[in-house]
Full PDB file with SEQRES, HELIX, SHEET, SSBOND, CRYST1, ORIGX, SCALE, CONECT and MASTER records, all heavy atoms in Angstrom:
SEQRES   1 A   32  VAL PRO VAL LYS GLN ILE GLU GLY ASN ARG SER SER SER          
SEQRES   2 A   32  TRP LEU LEU MET ASP TYR GLY ASP ILE ILE VAL HIS VAL          
SEQRES   3 A   32  PHE SER LYS GLU ASP ARG                                      
SHEET    1 AA1 3 GLN A   5  GLU A   7  0                                        
SHEET    2 AA1 3 TRP A  14  ASP A  18 -1                                        
SHEET    3 AA1 3 ILE A  23  PHE A  27 -1                                        
CRYST1    1.000    1.000    1.000  90.00  90.00  90.00 P 1           1          
ORIGX1      1.000000  0.000000  0.000000        0.00000                         
ORIGX2      0.000000  1.000000  0.000000        0.00000                         
ORIGX3      0.000000  0.000000  1.000000        0.00000                         
SCALE1      1.000000  0.000000  0.000000        0.00000                         
SCALE2      0.000000  1.000000  0.000000        0.00000                         
SCALE3      0.000000  0.000000  1.000000        0.00000                         
ATOM      1  N   VAL A   1     -33.980 -70.327  54.488  1.00  0.00           N  
ATOM      2  CA  VAL A   1     -35.153 -71.024  54.013  1.00  0.00           C  
ATOM      3  C   VAL A   1     -34.774 -71.970  52.925  1.00  0.00           C  
ATOM      4  O   VAL A   1     -34.659 -71.640  51.700  1.00  0.00           O  
ATOM      5  CB  VAL A   1     -36.207 -69.977  53.464  1.00  0.00           C  
ATOM      6  CG1 VAL A   1     -37.484 -70.699  53.061  1.00  0.00           C  
ATOM      7  CG2 VAL A   1     -36.461 -68.842  54.451  1.00  0.00           C  
ATOM      8  N   PRO A   2     -34.570 -73.268  53.275  1.00  0.00           N  
ATOM      9  CA  PRO A   2     -34.213 -74.217  52.244  1.00  0.00           C  
ATOM     10  C   PRO A   2     -35.465 -74.623  51.422  1.00  0.00           C  
ATOM     11  O   PRO A   2     -36.596 -74.570  51.977  1.00  0.00           O  
ATOM     12  CB  PRO A   2     -33.670 -75.383  53.081  1.00  0.00           C  
ATOM     13  CG  PRO A   2     -34.354 -75.281  54.393  1.00  0.00           C  
ATOM     14  CD  PRO A   2     -34.500 -73.823  54.602  1.00  0.00           C  
ATOM     15  N   VAL A   3     -35.235 -74.964  50.218  1.00  0.00           N  
ATOM     16  CA  VAL A   3     -36.294 -75.410  49.386  1.00  0.00           C  
ATOM     17  C   VAL A   3     -36.796 -76.789  49.851  1.00  0.00           C  
ATOM     18  O   VAL A   3     -36.083 -77.639  50.294  1.00  0.00           O  
ATOM     19  CB  VAL A   3     -35.904 -75.466  47.855  1.00  0.00           C  
ATOM     20  CG1 VAL A   3     -34.871 -76.600  47.630  1.00  0.00           C  
ATOM     21  CG2 VAL A   3     -37.084 -75.649  47.005  1.00  0.00           C  
ATOM     22  N   LYS A   4     -38.138 -76.961  49.865  1.00  0.00           N  
ATOM     23  CA  LYS A   4     -38.701 -78.283  50.231  1.00  0.00           C  
ATOM     24  C   LYS A   4     -38.756 -79.205  49.024  1.00  0.00           C  
ATOM     25  O   LYS A   4     -38.462 -80.408  49.210  1.00  0.00           O  
ATOM     26  CB  LYS A   4     -40.119 -78.043  50.805  1.00  0.00           C  
ATOM     27  CG  LYS A   4     -40.175 -77.277  52.098  1.00  0.00           C  
ATOM     28  CD  LYS A   4     -41.519 -77.228  52.655  1.00  0.00           C  
ATOM     29  CE  LYS A   4     -41.635 -76.366  53.894  1.00  0.00           C  
ATOM     30  NZ  LYS A   4     -40.797 -76.862  54.996  1.00  0.00           N  
ATOM     31  N   GLN A   5     -39.095 -78.644  47.918  1.00  0.00           N  
ATOM     32  CA  GLN A   5     -39.114 -79.510  46.666  1.00  0.00           C  
ATOM     33  C   GLN A   5     -39.054 -78.618  45.467  1.00  0.00           C  
ATOM     34  O   GLN A   5     -39.631 -77.521  45.456  1.00  0.00           O  
ATOM     35  CB  GLN A   5     -40.431 -80.305  46.680  1.00  0.00           C  
ATOM     36  CG  GLN A   5     -40.522 -81.296  45.552  1.00  0.00           C  
ATOM     37  CD  GLN A   5     -41.611 -82.240  45.721  1.00  0.00           C  
ATOM     38  OE1 GLN A   5     -42.259 -82.414  46.779  1.00  0.00           O  
ATOM     39  NE2 GLN A   5     -41.986 -82.930  44.630  1.00  0.00           N  
ATOM     40  N   ILE A   6     -38.438 -79.121  44.361  1.00  0.00           N  
ATOM     41  CA  ILE A   6     -38.423 -78.499  43.104  1.00  0.00           C  
ATOM     42  C   ILE A   6     -38.949 -79.452  42.123  1.00  0.00           C  
ATOM     43  O   ILE A   6     -38.506 -80.600  41.992  1.00  0.00           O  
ATOM     44  CB  ILE A   6     -36.968 -78.013  42.707  1.00  0.00           C  
ATOM     45  CG1 ILE A   6     -36.470 -76.918  43.717  1.00  0.00           C  
ATOM     46  CG2 ILE A   6     -36.989 -77.494  41.257  1.00  0.00           C  
ATOM     47  CD1 ILE A   6     -35.104 -76.458  43.435  1.00  0.00           C  
ATOM     48  N   GLU A   7     -39.953 -78.981  41.376  1.00  0.00           N  
ATOM     49  CA  GLU A   7     -40.503 -79.828  40.237  1.00  0.00           C  
ATOM     50  C   GLU A   7     -39.995 -79.208  38.976  1.00  0.00           C  
ATOM     51  O   GLU A   7     -40.021 -77.978  38.754  1.00  0.00           O  
ATOM     52  CB  GLU A   7     -42.068 -79.704  40.259  1.00  0.00           C  
ATOM     53  CG  GLU A   7     -42.693 -80.394  41.472  1.00  0.00           C  
ATOM     54  CD  GLU A   7     -42.486 -81.952  41.432  1.00  0.00           C  
ATOM     55  OE1 GLU A   7     -42.400 -82.542  40.360  1.00  0.00           O  
ATOM     56  OE2 GLU A   7     -42.463 -82.482  42.582  1.00  0.00           O  
ATOM     57  N   GLY A   8     -39.448 -80.072  38.094  1.00  0.00           N  
ATOM     58  CA  GLY A   8     -38.832 -79.625  36.875  1.00  0.00           C  
ATOM     59  C   GLY A   8     -37.332 -79.809  36.966  1.00  0.00           C  
ATOM     60  O   GLY A   8     -36.831 -79.776  38.067  1.00  0.00           O  
ATOM     61  N   ASN A   9     -36.693 -79.861  35.856  1.00  0.00           N  
ATOM     62  CA  ASN A   9     -35.247 -79.977  35.873  1.00  0.00           C  
ATOM     63  C   ASN A   9     -34.611 -78.842  35.042  1.00  0.00           C  
ATOM     64  O   ASN A   9     -35.293 -77.957  34.595  1.00  0.00           O  
ATOM     65  CB  ASN A   9     -34.781 -81.361  35.374  1.00  0.00           C  
ATOM     66  CG  ASN A   9     -35.350 -81.681  33.958  1.00  0.00           C  
ATOM     67  OD1 ASN A   9     -35.390 -80.774  33.132  1.00  0.00           O  
ATOM     68  ND2 ASN A   9     -35.708 -82.904  33.687  1.00  0.00           N  
ATOM     69  N   ARG A  10     -33.340 -78.909  34.825  1.00  0.00           N  
ATOM     70  CA  ARG A  10     -32.606 -77.871  34.151  1.00  0.00           C  
ATOM     71  C   ARG A  10     -33.106 -77.641  32.709  1.00  0.00           C  
ATOM     72  O   ARG A  10     -32.896 -76.534  32.199  1.00  0.00           O  
ATOM     73  CB  ARG A  10     -31.139 -78.101  34.173  1.00  0.00           C  
ATOM     74  CG  ARG A  10     -30.547 -78.149  35.568  1.00  0.00           C  
ATOM     75  CD  ARG A  10     -29.585 -77.038  35.784  1.00  0.00           C  
ATOM     76  NE  ARG A  10     -29.089 -77.036  37.107  1.00  0.00           N  
ATOM     77  CZ  ARG A  10     -29.187 -75.920  37.883  1.00  0.00           C  
ATOM     78  NH1 ARG A  10     -29.737 -74.852  37.483  1.00  0.00           N  
ATOM     79  NH2 ARG A  10     -28.702 -75.971  39.122  1.00  0.00           N  
ATOM     80  N   SER A  11     -33.741 -78.590  32.111  1.00  0.00           N  
ATOM     81  CA  SER A  11     -34.190 -78.423  30.756  1.00  0.00           C  
ATOM     82  C   SER A  11     -35.724 -78.168  30.675  1.00  0.00           C  
ATOM     83  O   SER A  11     -36.316 -78.004  29.604  1.00  0.00           O  
ATOM     84  CB  SER A  11     -33.858 -79.648  29.920  1.00  0.00           C  
ATOM     85  OG  SER A  11     -34.549 -80.796  30.403  1.00  0.00           O  
ATOM     86  N   SER A  12     -36.299 -77.985  31.858  1.00  0.00           N  
ATOM     87  CA  SER A  12     -37.820 -77.753  31.876  1.00  0.00           C  
ATOM     88  C   SER A  12     -38.114 -76.270  31.562  1.00  0.00           C  
ATOM     89  O   SER A  12     -37.341 -75.357  31.855  1.00  0.00           O  
ATOM     90  CB  SER A  12     -38.331 -78.073  33.284  1.00  0.00           C  
ATOM     91  OG  SER A  12     -38.193 -79.419  33.629  1.00  0.00           O  
ATOM     92  N   SER A  13     -39.262 -76.089  31.007  1.00  0.00           N  
ATOM     93  CA  SER A  13     -39.727 -74.750  30.670  1.00  0.00           C  
ATOM     94  C   SER A  13     -40.712 -74.229  31.734  1.00  0.00           C  
ATOM     95  O   SER A  13     -41.273 -73.174  31.565  1.00  0.00           O  
ATOM     96  CB  SER A  13     -40.298 -74.678  29.281  1.00  0.00           C  
ATOM     97  OG  SER A  13     -41.385 -75.613  29.148  1.00  0.00           O  
ATOM     98  N   TRP A  14     -40.935 -74.982  32.819  1.00  0.00           N  
ATOM     99  CA  TRP A  14     -41.705 -74.589  33.938  1.00  0.00           C  
ATOM    100  C   TRP A  14     -41.084 -75.247  35.160  1.00  0.00           C  
ATOM    101  O   TRP A  14     -40.991 -76.467  35.239  1.00  0.00           O  
ATOM    102  CB  TRP A  14     -43.184 -74.987  33.792  1.00  0.00           C  
ATOM    103  CG  TRP A  14     -44.033 -74.635  34.988  1.00  0.00           C  
ATOM    104  CD1 TRP A  14     -43.699 -73.835  36.049  1.00  0.00           C  
ATOM    105  CD2 TRP A  14     -45.383 -75.106  35.202  1.00  0.00           C  
ATOM    106  NE1 TRP A  14     -44.802 -73.783  36.950  1.00  0.00           N  
ATOM    107  CE2 TRP A  14     -45.780 -74.494  36.422  1.00  0.00           C  
ATOM    108  CE3 TRP A  14     -46.291 -75.799  34.510  1.00  0.00           C  
ATOM    109  CZ2 TRP A  14     -47.087 -74.731  36.940  1.00  0.00           C  
ATOM    110  CZ3 TRP A  14     -47.531 -76.021  35.024  1.00  0.00           C  
ATOM    111  CH2 TRP A  14     -47.961 -75.463  36.248  1.00  0.00           C  
ATOM    112  N   LEU A  15     -40.634 -74.408  36.092  1.00  0.00           N  
ATOM    113  CA  LEU A  15     -40.141 -74.915  37.368  1.00  0.00           C  
ATOM    114  C   LEU A  15     -41.055 -74.463  38.484  1.00  0.00           C  
ATOM    115  O   LEU A  15     -41.478 -73.307  38.521  1.00  0.00           O  
ATOM    116  CB  LEU A  15     -38.756 -74.282  37.575  1.00  0.00           C  
ATOM    117  CG  LEU A  15     -37.691 -74.668  36.552  1.00  0.00           C  
ATOM    118  CD1 LEU A  15     -36.445 -73.777  36.789  1.00  0.00           C  
ATOM    119  CD2 LEU A  15     -37.329 -76.149  36.668  1.00  0.00           C  
ATOM    120  N   LEU A  16     -41.329 -75.429  39.402  1.00  0.00           N  
ATOM    121  CA  LEU A  16     -42.043 -75.066  40.585  1.00  0.00           C  
ATOM    122  C   LEU A  16     -41.171 -75.251  41.750  1.00  0.00           C  
ATOM    123  O   LEU A  16     -40.611 -76.301  41.940  1.00  0.00           O  
ATOM    124  CB  LEU A  16     -43.302 -75.976  40.678  1.00  0.00           C  
ATOM    125  CG  LEU A  16     -44.236 -75.721  41.936  1.00  0.00           C  
ATOM    126  CD1 LEU A  16     -45.637 -76.097  41.566  1.00  0.00           C  
ATOM    127  CD2 LEU A  16     -43.795 -76.534  43.152  1.00  0.00           C  
ATOM    128  N   MET A  17     -40.990 -74.244  42.567  1.00  0.00           N  
ATOM    129  CA  MET A  17     -40.045 -74.221  43.738  1.00  0.00           C  
ATOM    130  C   MET A  17     -40.880 -74.041  45.021  1.00  0.00           C  
ATOM    131  O   MET A  17     -41.491 -72.958  45.159  1.00  0.00           O  
ATOM    132  CB  MET A  17     -39.017 -73.185  43.571  1.00  0.00           C  
ATOM    133  CG  MET A  17     -38.300 -73.302  42.247  1.00  0.00           C  
ATOM    134  SD  MET A  17     -37.193 -71.852  41.938  1.00  0.00           S  
ATOM    135  CE  MET A  17     -35.947 -72.156  43.140  1.00  0.00           C  
ATOM    136  N   ASP A  18     -40.982 -75.063  45.821  1.00  0.00           N  
ATOM    137  CA  ASP A  18     -41.828 -75.043  47.001  1.00  0.00           C  
ATOM    138  C   ASP A  18     -41.005 -74.735  48.168  1.00  0.00           C  
ATOM    139  O   ASP A  18     -40.140 -75.497  48.585  1.00  0.00           O  
ATOM    140  CB  ASP A  18     -42.533 -76.394  47.150  1.00  0.00           C  
ATOM    141  CG  ASP A  18     -43.498 -76.476  48.286  1.00  0.00           C  
ATOM    142  OD1 ASP A  18     -43.562 -75.529  49.064  1.00  0.00           O  
ATOM    143  OD2 ASP A  18     -44.157 -77.487  48.452  1.00  0.00           O  
ATOM    144  N   TYR A  19     -41.359 -73.583  48.841  1.00  0.00           N  
ATOM    145  CA  TYR A  19     -40.639 -73.112  50.085  1.00  0.00           C  
ATOM    146  C   TYR A  19     -41.590 -73.239  51.266  1.00  0.00           C  
ATOM    147  O   TYR A  19     -41.358 -72.573  52.254  1.00  0.00           O  
ATOM    148  CB  TYR A  19     -39.992 -71.764  49.902  1.00  0.00           C  
ATOM    149  CG  TYR A  19     -38.885 -71.792  48.935  1.00  0.00           C  
ATOM    150  CD1 TYR A  19     -39.137 -71.515  47.574  1.00  0.00           C  
ATOM    151  CD2 TYR A  19     -37.569 -72.067  49.360  1.00  0.00           C  
ATOM    152  CE1 TYR A  19     -38.023 -71.557  46.675  1.00  0.00           C  
ATOM    153  CE2 TYR A  19     -36.501 -72.153  48.462  1.00  0.00           C  
ATOM    154  CZ  TYR A  19     -36.772 -71.851  47.116  1.00  0.00           C  
ATOM    155  OH  TYR A  19     -35.732 -71.922  46.199  1.00  0.00           O  
ATOM    156  N   GLY A  20     -42.649 -73.956  51.128  1.00  0.00           N  
ATOM    157  CA  GLY A  20     -43.625 -74.055  52.225  1.00  0.00           C  
ATOM    158  C   GLY A  20     -44.635 -72.893  52.203  1.00  0.00           C  
ATOM    159  O   GLY A  20     -45.752 -73.114  51.643  1.00  0.00           O  
ATOM    160  N   ASP A  21     -44.254 -71.731  52.671  1.00  0.00           N  
ATOM    161  CA  ASP A  21     -45.214 -70.591  52.765  1.00  0.00           C  
ATOM    162  C   ASP A  21     -45.306 -69.860  51.453  1.00  0.00           C  
ATOM    163  O   ASP A  21     -46.282 -69.148  51.290  1.00  0.00           O  
ATOM    164  CB  ASP A  21     -44.804 -69.648  53.862  1.00  0.00           C  
ATOM    165  CG  ASP A  21     -44.931 -70.261  55.215  1.00  0.00           C  
ATOM    166  OD1 ASP A  21     -45.767 -71.143  55.409  1.00  0.00           O  
ATOM    167  OD2 ASP A  21     -44.285 -69.761  56.206  1.00  0.00           O  
ATOM    168  N   ILE A  22     -44.336 -70.090  50.544  1.00  0.00           N  
ATOM    169  CA  ILE A  22     -44.409 -69.477  49.232  1.00  0.00           C  
ATOM    170  C   ILE A  22     -44.077 -70.558  48.187  1.00  0.00           C  
ATOM    171  O   ILE A  22     -43.332 -71.494  48.461  1.00  0.00           O  
ATOM    172  CB  ILE A  22     -43.521 -68.268  48.995  1.00  0.00           C  
ATOM    173  CG1 ILE A  22     -42.074 -68.613  48.910  1.00  0.00           C  
ATOM    174  CG2 ILE A  22     -43.782 -67.170  50.019  1.00  0.00           C  
ATOM    175  CD1 ILE A  22     -41.172 -67.533  48.321  1.00  0.00           C  
ATOM    176  N   ILE A  23     -44.687 -70.398  46.977  1.00  0.00           N  
ATOM    177  CA  ILE A  23     -44.331 -71.219  45.892  1.00  0.00           C  
ATOM    178  C   ILE A  23     -43.954 -70.369  44.679  1.00  0.00           C  
ATOM    179  O   ILE A  23     -44.671 -69.382  44.391  1.00  0.00           O  
ATOM    180  CB  ILE A  23     -45.521 -72.135  45.494  1.00  0.00           C  
ATOM    181  CG1 ILE A  23     -45.884 -73.099  46.670  1.00  0.00           C  
ATOM    182  CG2 ILE A  23     -45.204 -72.984  44.225  1.00  0.00           C  
ATOM    183  CD1 ILE A  23     -47.083 -73.983  46.423  1.00  0.00           C  
ATOM    184  N   VAL A  24     -42.767 -70.609  44.170  1.00  0.00           N  
ATOM    185  CA  VAL A  24     -42.239 -69.809  43.097  1.00  0.00           C  
ATOM    186  C   VAL A  24     -42.429 -70.593  41.780  1.00  0.00           C  
ATOM    187  O   VAL A  24     -42.036 -71.780  41.723  1.00  0.00           O  
ATOM    188  CB  VAL A  24     -40.731 -69.409  43.285  1.00  0.00           C  
ATOM    189  CG1 VAL A  24     -40.247 -68.611  42.162  1.00  0.00           C  
ATOM    190  CG2 VAL A  24     -40.620 -68.701  44.645  1.00  0.00           C  
ATOM    191  N   HIS A  25     -43.015 -69.945  40.770  1.00  0.00           N  
ATOM    192  CA  HIS A  25     -43.199 -70.583  39.426  1.00  0.00           C  
ATOM    193  C   HIS A  25     -42.345 -69.812  38.466  1.00  0.00           C  
ATOM    194  O   HIS A  25     -42.521 -68.595  38.353  1.00  0.00           O  
ATOM    195  CB  HIS A  25     -44.660 -70.465  39.025  1.00  0.00           C  
ATOM    196  CG  HIS A  25     -45.630 -71.195  39.891  1.00  0.00           C  
ATOM    197  ND1 HIS A  25     -45.968 -72.555  39.715  1.00  0.00           N  
ATOM    198  CD2 HIS A  25     -46.361 -70.749  40.961  1.00  0.00           C  
ATOM    199  CE1 HIS A  25     -46.777 -72.848  40.582  1.00  0.00           C  
ATOM    200  NE2 HIS A  25     -47.054 -71.810  41.424  1.00  0.00           N  
ATOM    201  N   VAL A  26     -41.442 -70.508  37.733  1.00  0.00           N  
ATOM    202  CA  VAL A  26     -40.662 -69.886  36.750  1.00  0.00           C  
ATOM    203  C   VAL A  26     -40.900 -70.562  35.447  1.00  0.00           C  
ATOM    204  O   VAL A  26     -40.809 -71.781  35.341  1.00  0.00           O  
ATOM    205  CB  VAL A  26     -39.120 -69.991  37.123  1.00  0.00           C  
ATOM    206  CG1 VAL A  26     -38.264 -69.418  36.037  1.00  0.00           C  
ATOM    207  CG2 VAL A  26     -38.835 -69.349  38.463  1.00  0.00           C  
ATOM    208  N   PHE A  27     -41.344 -69.724  34.487  1.00  0.00           N  
ATOM    209  CA  PHE A  27     -41.837 -70.277  33.182  1.00  0.00           C  
ATOM    210  C   PHE A  27     -41.049 -69.776  32.025  1.00  0.00           C  
ATOM    211  O   PHE A  27     -40.397 -68.693  32.090  1.00  0.00           O  
ATOM    212  CB  PHE A  27     -43.223 -69.789  32.931  1.00  0.00           C  
ATOM    213  CG  PHE A  27     -44.376 -70.386  33.731  1.00  0.00           C  
ATOM    214  CD1 PHE A  27     -44.812 -69.732  34.851  1.00  0.00           C  
ATOM    215  CD2 PHE A  27     -44.953 -71.573  33.337  1.00  0.00           C  
ATOM    216  CE1 PHE A  27     -45.846 -70.242  35.614  1.00  0.00           C  
ATOM    217  CE2 PHE A  27     -46.014 -72.023  34.064  1.00  0.00           C  
ATOM    218  CZ  PHE A  27     -46.488 -71.455  35.175  1.00  0.00           C  
ATOM    219  N   SER A  28     -41.167 -70.481  30.939  1.00  0.00           N  
ATOM    220  CA  SER A  28     -40.867 -69.848  29.608  1.00  0.00           C  
ATOM    221  C   SER A  28     -42.102 -68.955  29.289  1.00  0.00           C  
ATOM    222  O   SER A  28     -43.169 -69.230  29.841  1.00  0.00           O  
ATOM    223  CB  SER A  28     -40.689 -70.932  28.529  1.00  0.00           C  
ATOM    224  OG  SER A  28     -41.898 -71.618  28.244  1.00  0.00           O  
ATOM    225  N   LYS A  29     -41.958 -68.038  28.454  1.00  0.00           N  
ATOM    226  CA  LYS A  29     -43.017 -67.217  28.081  1.00  0.00           C  
ATOM    227  C   LYS A  29     -44.249 -67.952  27.500  1.00  0.00           C  
ATOM    228  O   LYS A  29     -45.390 -67.721  27.889  1.00  0.00           O  
ATOM    229  CB  LYS A  29     -42.602 -66.107  27.048  1.00  0.00           C  
ATOM    230  CG  LYS A  29     -43.598 -65.048  26.867  1.00  0.00           C  
ATOM    231  CD  LYS A  29     -42.960 -63.880  26.019  1.00  0.00           C  
ATOM    232  CE  LYS A  29     -43.449 -62.563  26.494  1.00  0.00           C  
ATOM    233  NZ  LYS A  29     -42.656 -61.452  26.050  1.00  0.00           N  
ATOM    234  N   GLU A  30     -43.924 -68.913  26.673  1.00  0.00           N  
ATOM    235  CA  GLU A  30     -44.980 -69.764  25.994  1.00  0.00           C  
ATOM    236  C   GLU A  30     -45.750 -70.564  27.066  1.00  0.00           C  
ATOM    237  O   GLU A  30     -46.964 -70.615  26.956  1.00  0.00           O  
ATOM    238  CB  GLU A  30     -44.408 -70.691  24.926  1.00  0.00           C  
ATOM    239  CG  GLU A  30     -43.774 -69.940  23.788  1.00  0.00           C  
ATOM    240  CD  GLU A  30     -42.350 -69.384  24.081  1.00  0.00           C  
ATOM    241  OE1 GLU A  30     -41.680 -69.896  25.009  1.00  0.00           O  
ATOM    242  OE2 GLU A  30     -41.918 -68.440  23.445  1.00  0.00           O  
ATOM    243  N   ASP A  31     -45.047 -71.219  27.930  1.00  0.00           N  
ATOM    244  CA  ASP A  31     -45.733 -72.068  28.915  1.00  0.00           C  
ATOM    245  C   ASP A  31     -46.515 -71.195  29.888  1.00  0.00           C  
ATOM    246  O   ASP A  31     -47.570 -71.638  30.340  1.00  0.00           O  
ATOM    247  CB  ASP A  31     -44.725 -72.899  29.713  1.00  0.00           C  
ATOM    248  CG  ASP A  31     -44.368 -74.151  28.955  1.00  0.00           C  
ATOM    249  OD1 ASP A  31     -44.863 -74.394  27.826  1.00  0.00           O  
ATOM    250  OD2 ASP A  31     -43.557 -74.949  29.481  1.00  0.00           O  
ATOM    251  N   ARG A  32     -45.997 -70.018  30.182  1.00  0.00           N  
ATOM    252  CA  ARG A  32     -46.792 -69.145  31.100  1.00  0.00           C  
ATOM    253  C   ARG A  32     -48.103 -68.780  30.494  1.00  0.00           C  
ATOM    254  O   ARG A  32     -49.203 -68.824  31.172  1.00  0.00           O  
ATOM    255  CB  ARG A  32     -45.951 -67.916  31.467  1.00  0.00           C  
ATOM    256  CG  ARG A  32     -46.716 -67.067  32.476  1.00  0.00           C  
ATOM    257  CD  ARG A  32     -45.835 -65.925  32.955  1.00  0.00           C  
ATOM    258  NE  ARG A  32     -46.543 -65.154  33.949  1.00  0.00           N  
ATOM    259  CZ  ARG A  32     -45.990 -64.171  34.616  1.00  0.00           C  
ATOM    260  NH1 ARG A  32     -44.723 -63.879  34.349  1.00  0.00           N  
ATOM    261  NH2 ARG A  32     -46.656 -63.490  35.464  1.00  0.00           N  
TER     262      ARG A  32                                                      
MASTER        0    0    0    0    3    0    0    6  261    1    0    3          
END                                                                             
């Protein structure tokens, strides 16, 4: 399952990873 799109970069405190049927959100605690 390759990623379709990633929003945010290595220094971002919120990353959105779009795999089509699922979306993964990775946050810093504060941003969450």
